[in-house]
Amino acid sequence: MVRPSVLLTRRWPGVVEQKLAETYDVVLNQSDRPLTATDFREAIAKYDAVLPTVTDRISAEVLDVPKARTKILANYGVGYSHIDVGAAARHGIAITNTPDVLSECTADLAMTLMLMVARRTGDGERELRAGAWSGWRPTHLVGTKVSGKTLGIVGFGRIGQKMAQRAHHGFGMDILVVSRSPVDPAFLAQFNARQCDTLEVMLPQCDFVSLHCPGGAENRNMITSARLDLMKEDAFLINTARGEIVNETALAQALMFDTIGGAALDVFEAEPRIHPMLAQCDNLVMLPHMGSATREAREAMGFRVLDNLNDFFQGGAPRDLVA
């Protein structure tokens, strides 16, 4: 029997690549560089499955390939706003993702960012590496206490829930939630949380705001100048969701004029390019999209893709079918 051919658009953990090769004719992107639109069109014409990542841009134009061979885009990641879902459906291409397996590690990193920006750890490390530390003194690098403060969570899916668990039970934080659908009060009670109807209601009450909502057109530029103006002057914004959720010009202006206390970002709208104004903000912590970057999470994501491929090519419905 001819084995289905699959293309990995980037290099994956070695143990996952080896496991995939046991069942499929696997082609690796040996250069580990992003594929171009032309590369994607050629791949969709050539392979039975293409396995993209969250940073690949798969537009309607890319998917409009005569006699396309690809029948499934098995995405390595939870979000799939980088794929034109409607175009994929028109061409009969299934889309799957990898939920559940990265929630804890992403929530861990969101907590890391919150602590970093509140306690000015980036400032401290830069000072040490520059050889500029003159010694302990009472007024040096004074930050903000995290324990007992109010955290607003935007998007109360798996990752948002894990964030609430860590913040409330680990740091005694009060939790406010904005979600696109009502959350069971009994579930909110586990975190002593309260759901707010709108961002406009929630933002003025928060010491920290952490974004965990999906990307895509629906939430593009959700965080605007007007909404940043609603935040306290000493409040902090954390984003480990998608870069397009935040208007980066508006955020840079809020940081430069100290209308909020600071921000911490793991994702950016034009990754890997960074908005030049953001790069000038000292009250900003930036990481290079590391939310799921643990060995455990990245391997589990790959094995989840393998599960979806097996379901699909064995004639069943993939367990994580999103479109």
Protein backbone atom coordinates (compact mmCIF):
# COMPACT_ATOMS: atom_id res chain seq x y z
CA MET A 1 0.00 0.00 0.00
CA VAL A 2 1.29 3.45 -0.91
CA ARG A 3 1.89 5.52 2.19
CA PRO A 4 0.44 9.05 2.29
CA SER A 5 2.98 11.79 1.72
CA VAL A 6 3.21 14.60 4.26
CA LEU A 7 5.22 17.80 4.38
CA LEU A 8 6.36 19.42 7.62
CA THR A 9 6.69 23.14 7.00
CA ARG A 10 9.23 23.52 9.84
CA ARG A 11 11.46 21.16 11.83
CA TRP A 12 9.72 19.41 14.73
CA PRO A 13 11.13 17.59 17.76
CA GLY A 14 13.17 14.64 16.51
CA VAL A 15 11.17 12.00 18.35
CA VAL A 16 7.98 13.19 16.61
CA GLU A 17 9.58 13.30 13.17
CA GLN A 18 10.78 9.73 13.67
CA LYS A 19 7.32 8.55 14.74
CA LEU A 20 5.67 10.21 11.74
CA ALA A 21 8.17 8.50 9.42
CA GLU A 22 7.04 5.08 10.64
CA THR A 23 3.65 5.53 9.00
CA TYR A 24 4.02 8.28 6.38
CA ASP A 25 6.38 9.37 3.64
CA VAL A 26 7.63 12.41 5.48
CA VAL A 27 9.37 15.33 3.79
CA LEU A 28 11.18 17.72 6.11
CA ASN A 29 11.96 21.38 5.60
CA GLN A 30 15.67 20.88 6.19
CA SER A 31 16.46 24.61 6.10
CA ASP A 32 13.80 25.28 8.80
CA ARG A 33 13.00 28.58 7.10
CA PRO A 34 9.45 29.83 6.49
CA LEU A 35 7.93 28.65 3.23
CA THR A 36 6.87 31.20 0.65
CA ALA A 37 3.42 31.37 -0.93
CA THR A 38 4.89 29.69 -4.00
CA ASP A 39 6.34 26.92 -1.83
CA PHE A 40 2.91 26.33 -0.30
CA ARG A 41 1.16 26.18 -3.66
CA GLU A 42 3.67 23.62 -4.86
CA ALA A 43 3.24 21.62 -1.66
CA ILE A 44 -0.56 21.58 -1.90
CA ALA A 45 -0.26 20.23 -5.44
CA LYS A 46 2.26 17.56 -4.42
CA TYR A 47 1.53 16.16 -0.94
CA ASP A 48 -1.44 14.34 0.60
CA ALA A 49 -1.08 16.36 3.80
CA VAL A 50 0.65 19.59 4.74
CA LEU A 51 1.52 20.15 8.40
CA PRO A 52 1.79 23.92 8.96
CA THR A 53 2.60 25.91 12.07
CA VAL A 54 0.86 28.95 13.53
CA THR A 55 3.25 31.34 11.77
CA ASP A 56 2.55 30.05 8.25
CA ARG A 57 0.21 32.25 6.22
CA ILE A 58 -2.13 30.09 4.15
CA SER A 59 -4.39 32.43 2.20
CA ALA A 60 -7.18 31.80 -0.28
CA GLU A 61 -4.70 32.46 -3.09
CA VAL A 62 -2.31 29.86 -1.72
CA LEU A 63 -5.10 27.29 -1.51
CA ASP A 64 -6.41 27.95 -5.04
CA VAL A 65 -4.35 25.24 -6.71
CA PRO A 66 -5.69 23.33 -9.74
CA LYS A 67 -5.80 19.59 -9.08
CA ALA A 68 -4.70 20.06 -5.46
CA ARG A 69 -3.55 16.83 -3.84
CA THR A 70 -3.61 17.98 -0.23
CA LYS A 71 -6.75 16.94 1.64
CA ILE A 72 -5.78 17.90 5.18
CA LEU A 73 -3.89 20.75 6.84
CA ALA A 74 -2.92 19.22 10.19
CA ASN A 75 -1.88 22.33 12.09
CA TYR A 76 0.88 22.21 14.70
CA GLY A 77 -0.68 24.59 17.22
CA VAL A 78 -4.02 25.57 18.72
CA GLY A 79 -4.77 28.73 16.76
CA TYR A 80 -5.64 28.49 13.08
CA SER A 81 -6.42 32.11 12.17
CA HIS A 82 -3.41 31.98 9.83
CA ILE A 83 -5.39 29.63 7.55
CA ASP A 84 -8.24 30.85 5.34
CA VAL A 85 -10.81 28.42 6.69
CA GLY A 86 -13.48 29.30 4.14
CA ALA A 87 -11.13 28.77 1.21
CA ALA A 88 -9.98 25.44 2.64
CA ALA A 89 -13.59 24.31 2.95
CA ARG A 90 -14.34 25.30 -0.65
CA HIS A 91 -11.44 23.13 -1.80
CA GLY A 92 -12.45 20.20 0.40
CA ILE A 93 -9.41 20.49 2.67
CA ALA A 94 -9.84 19.54 6.33
CA ILE A 95 -8.14 21.52 9.10
CA THR A 96 -7.13 20.17 12.51
CA ASN A 97 -5.32 21.72 15.48
CA THR A 98 -3.66 20.63 18.74
CA PRO A 99 -5.74 21.70 21.76
CA ASP A 100 -5.21 20.75 25.42
CA VAL A 101 -1.55 19.76 25.25
CA LEU A 102 0.02 23.22 25.51
CA SER A 103 -2.38 24.93 27.91
CA GLU A 104 -0.34 24.51 31.09
CA CYS A 105 2.97 25.55 29.55
CA THR A 106 1.45 28.65 27.93
CA ALA A 107 -0.19 29.62 31.21
CA ASP A 108 3.17 29.12 32.94
CA LEU A 109 4.77 31.55 30.51
CA ALA A 110 1.97 34.09 30.95
CA MET A 111 2.65 33.98 34.69
CA THR A 112 6.37 34.33 33.98
CA LEU A 113 5.75 37.45 31.89
CA MET A 114 3.46 38.93 34.53
CA LEU A 115 6.10 38.47 37.21
CA MET A 116 8.88 39.74 34.95
CA VAL A 117 7.18 42.99 34.05
CA ALA A 118 5.84 43.64 37.55
CA ARG A 119 9.18 43.01 39.26
CA ARG A 120 11.33 44.62 36.52
CA THR A 121 13.50 41.54 36.09
CA GLY A 122 14.38 42.46 32.52
CA ASP A 123 15.75 45.80 33.72
CA GLY A 124 17.74 44.04 36.41
CA GLU A 125 19.31 41.48 34.11
CA ARG A 126 20.26 44.12 31.51
CA GLU A 127 21.90 46.18 34.25
CA LEU A 128 23.93 43.23 35.50
CA ARG A 129 25.08 42.16 32.04
CA ALA A 130 26.14 45.74 31.29
CA GLY A 131 28.24 45.82 34.47
CA ALA A 132 26.24 48.80 35.68
CA TRP A 133 25.02 47.52 39.07
CA SER A 134 26.37 49.66 41.88
CA GLY A 135 24.93 47.55 44.69
CA TRP A 136 21.75 47.20 46.76
CA ARG A 137 19.86 50.33 47.72
CA PRO A 138 16.31 50.91 48.96
CA THR A 139 15.07 52.73 45.87
CA HIS A 140 16.67 50.50 43.22
CA LEU A 141 14.41 48.84 40.61
CA VAL A 142 11.31 49.03 42.75
CA GLY A 143 8.53 47.07 41.09
CA THR A 144 4.94 46.06 41.80
CA LYS A 145 3.62 43.34 44.07
CA VAL A 146 1.66 40.63 42.27
CA SER A 147 0.15 38.61 45.12
CA GLY A 148 -3.34 39.69 46.13
CA LYS A 149 -3.87 41.96 43.13
CA THR A 150 -6.71 41.80 40.58
CA LEU A 151 -6.13 39.95 37.33
CA GLY A 152 -8.43 40.35 34.35
CA ILE A 153 -8.48 37.42 31.94
CA VAL A 154 -9.72 38.01 28.38
CA GLY A 155 -10.81 34.68 26.92
CA PHE A 156 -11.66 31.91 29.35
CA GLY A 157 -10.80 28.81 27.36
CA ARG A 158 -8.32 26.16 28.42
CA ILE A 159 -5.33 28.48 28.73
CA GLY A 160 -7.29 31.25 30.42
CA GLN A 161 -8.58 28.75 32.96
CA LYS A 162 -5.07 27.49 33.69
CA MET A 163 -3.96 31.09 34.15
CA ALA A 164 -6.79 31.69 36.63
CA GLN A 165 -5.84 28.57 38.56
CA ARG A 166 -2.22 29.68 38.91
CA ALA A 167 -3.01 33.29 39.72
CA HIS A 168 -5.74 32.63 42.29
CA HIS A 169 -4.48 29.52 44.06
CA GLY A 170 -0.79 30.37 43.72
CA PHE A 171 -0.78 34.13 44.24
CA GLY A 172 -4.12 34.85 45.91
CA MET A 173 -5.23 37.08 43.06
CA ASP A 174 -8.80 38.19 42.52
CA ILE A 175 -9.97 37.06 39.08
CA LEU A 176 -12.21 38.91 36.64
CA VAL A 177 -13.17 37.30 33.33
CA VAL A 178 -14.44 38.47 29.96
CA SER A 179 -15.54 35.63 27.70
CA ARG A 180 -17.60 35.48 24.52
CA SER A 181 -20.04 33.09 26.19
CA PRO A 182 -21.42 32.84 29.74
CA VAL A 183 -19.27 30.83 32.16
CA ASP A 184 -20.93 28.52 34.67
CA PRO A 185 -20.95 30.34 38.04
CA ALA A 186 -20.03 27.09 39.78
CA PHE A 187 -16.91 26.86 37.59
CA LEU A 188 -16.00 30.50 38.24
CA ALA A 189 -16.33 29.80 41.96
CA GLN A 190 -13.34 27.44 41.76
CA PHE A 191 -11.17 30.54 41.25
CA ASN A 192 -13.36 32.96 43.22
CA ALA A 193 -13.80 34.63 39.83
CA ARG A 194 -16.42 36.99 38.50
CA GLN A 195 -17.47 37.40 34.86
CA CYS A 196 -17.79 40.92 33.46
CA ASP A 197 -20.10 41.75 30.59
CA THR A 198 -17.58 43.82 28.62
CA LEU A 199 -13.95 44.87 28.53
CA GLU A 200 -15.10 48.38 29.32
CA VAL A 201 -16.47 47.14 32.62
CA MET A 202 -13.47 44.95 33.46
CA LEU A 203 -10.42 46.98 32.46
CA PRO A 204 -10.69 49.84 34.99
CA GLN A 205 -10.80 47.30 37.86
CA CYS A 206 -7.64 45.37 36.97
CA ASP A 207 -4.05 45.60 38.12
CA PHE A 208 -3.06 43.08 35.44
CA VAL A 209 -4.81 42.07 32.19
CA SER A 210 -3.86 38.82 30.46
CA LEU A 211 -5.04 38.03 26.92
CA HIS A 212 -6.02 34.43 26.11
CA CYS A 213 -8.60 34.87 23.32
CA PRO A 214 -8.37 33.62 19.72
CA GLY A 215 -6.86 35.73 16.98
CA GLY A 216 -8.32 36.38 13.56
CA ALA A 217 -10.54 39.09 12.14
CA GLU A 218 -13.05 38.97 15.01
CA ASN A 219 -10.49 40.03 17.62
CA ARG A 220 -8.05 42.05 15.50
CA ASN A 221 -7.11 45.28 17.31
CA MET A 222 -9.31 44.39 20.27
CA ILE A 223 -6.94 46.35 22.50
CA THR A 224 -7.20 49.89 21.19
CA SER A 225 -6.11 53.29 22.49
CA ALA A 226 -9.56 53.81 23.97
CA ARG A 227 -9.40 50.55 25.89
CA LEU A 228 -5.83 51.14 27.04
CA ASP A 229 -7.03 54.49 28.38
CA LEU A 230 -9.49 52.60 30.59
CA MET A 231 -6.70 50.75 32.37
CA LYS A 232 -5.19 52.02 35.60
CA GLU A 233 -2.03 54.10 35.23
CA ASP A 234 -0.06 51.42 37.07
CA ALA A 235 -1.72 48.38 35.41
CA PHE A 236 0.05 45.89 33.16
CA LEU A 237 -0.99 44.14 29.93
CA ILE A 238 0.20 40.59 29.13
CA ASN A 239 -0.29 38.94 25.74
CA THR A 240 0.49 35.28 25.04
CA ALA A 241 -2.44 34.83 22.62
CA ARG A 242 -2.01 36.41 19.17
CA GLY A 243 -0.19 39.55 18.15
CA GLU A 244 -3.03 40.99 16.07
CA ILE A 245 -5.25 41.30 19.15
CA VAL A 246 -3.29 44.37 20.27
CA ASN A 247 -2.95 47.59 18.29
CA GLU A 248 0.80 47.82 18.66
CA THR A 249 1.05 51.54 17.84
CA ALA A 250 -1.53 52.31 20.52
CA LEU A 251 0.29 50.11 23.03
CA ALA A 252 3.65 51.74 22.28
CA GLN A 253 2.16 55.18 22.80
CA ALA A 254 0.59 54.10 26.11
CA LEU A 255 3.95 52.76 27.26
CA MET A 256 5.94 55.79 26.12
CA PHE A 257 3.57 58.24 27.82
CA ASP A 258 3.22 56.04 30.93
CA THR A 259 -0.54 55.87 30.71
CA ILE A 260 -0.21 52.23 31.81
CA GLY A 261 2.43 50.69 34.04
CA GLY A 262 3.91 48.32 31.49
CA ALA A 263 3.32 45.36 29.22
CA ALA A 264 4.74 41.93 28.46
CA LEU A 265 4.40 40.31 25.03
CA ASP A 266 5.19 36.85 23.72
CA VAL A 267 3.45 37.40 20.36
CA PHE A 268 3.56 40.14 17.73
CA GLU A 269 1.45 41.12 14.75
CA ALA A 270 4.20 40.88 12.10
CA GLU A 271 6.36 38.13 13.60
CA PRO A 272 9.31 37.89 13.49
CA ARG A 273 9.44 41.65 12.85
CA ILE A 274 8.92 43.84 15.91
CA HIS A 275 7.14 47.20 15.73
CA PRO A 276 9.98 49.76 15.94
CA MET A 277 8.15 51.83 18.55
CA LEU A 278 7.77 48.82 20.84
CA ALA A 279 11.50 48.18 20.71
CA GLN A 280 12.06 51.61 22.28
CA CYS A 281 9.87 50.96 25.34
CA ASP A 282 11.81 50.17 28.51
CA ASN A 283 8.63 49.28 30.42
CA LEU A 284 7.99 46.38 28.04
CA VAL A 285 9.13 42.76 28.36
CA MET A 286 9.35 40.87 25.06
CA LEU A 287 9.87 37.16 24.37
CA PRO A 288 10.08 35.41 20.96
CA HIS A 289 6.80 33.42 20.92
CA MET A 290 7.85 30.92 23.60
CA GLY A 291 4.44 30.07 25.11
CA SER A 292 4.54 26.37 24.26
CA ALA A 293 8.34 26.09 24.18
CA THR A 294 8.90 23.17 26.52
CA ARG A 295 10.05 19.75 25.38
CA GLU A 296 6.94 18.19 26.84
CA ALA A 297 4.50 20.54 25.12
CA ARG A 298 6.20 20.61 21.72
CA GLU A 299 6.42 16.81 21.60
CA ALA A 300 2.81 16.43 22.73
CA MET A 301 1.70 18.87 20.01
CA GLY A 302 3.45 16.78 17.37
CA PHE A 303 1.91 13.54 18.62
CA ARG A 304 -1.51 15.20 18.58
CA VAL A 305 -0.96 16.05 14.90
CA LEU A 306 -0.05 12.41 14.32
CA ASP A 307 -3.29 11.31 16.01
CA ASN A 308 -5.27 13.55 13.68
CA LEU A 309 -3.46 12.26 10.61
CA ASN A 310 -4.07 8.67 11.65
CA ASP A 311 -7.77 9.37 12.18
CA PHE A 312 -8.04 11.04 8.78
CA PHE A 313 -6.14 8.51 6.68
CA GLN A 314 -7.87 5.60 8.38
CA GLY A 315 -11.17 7.01 7.16
CA GLY A 316 -12.45 8.48 10.40
CA ALA A 317 -13.16 11.99 11.61
CA PRO A 318 -10.05 13.61 13.08
CA ARG A 319 -10.44 14.14 16.81
CA ASP A 320 -9.44 17.81 16.56
CA LEU A 321 -11.28 18.77 13.37
CA VAL A 322 -11.92 22.52 13.35
CA ALA A 323 -13.10 22.92 9.76
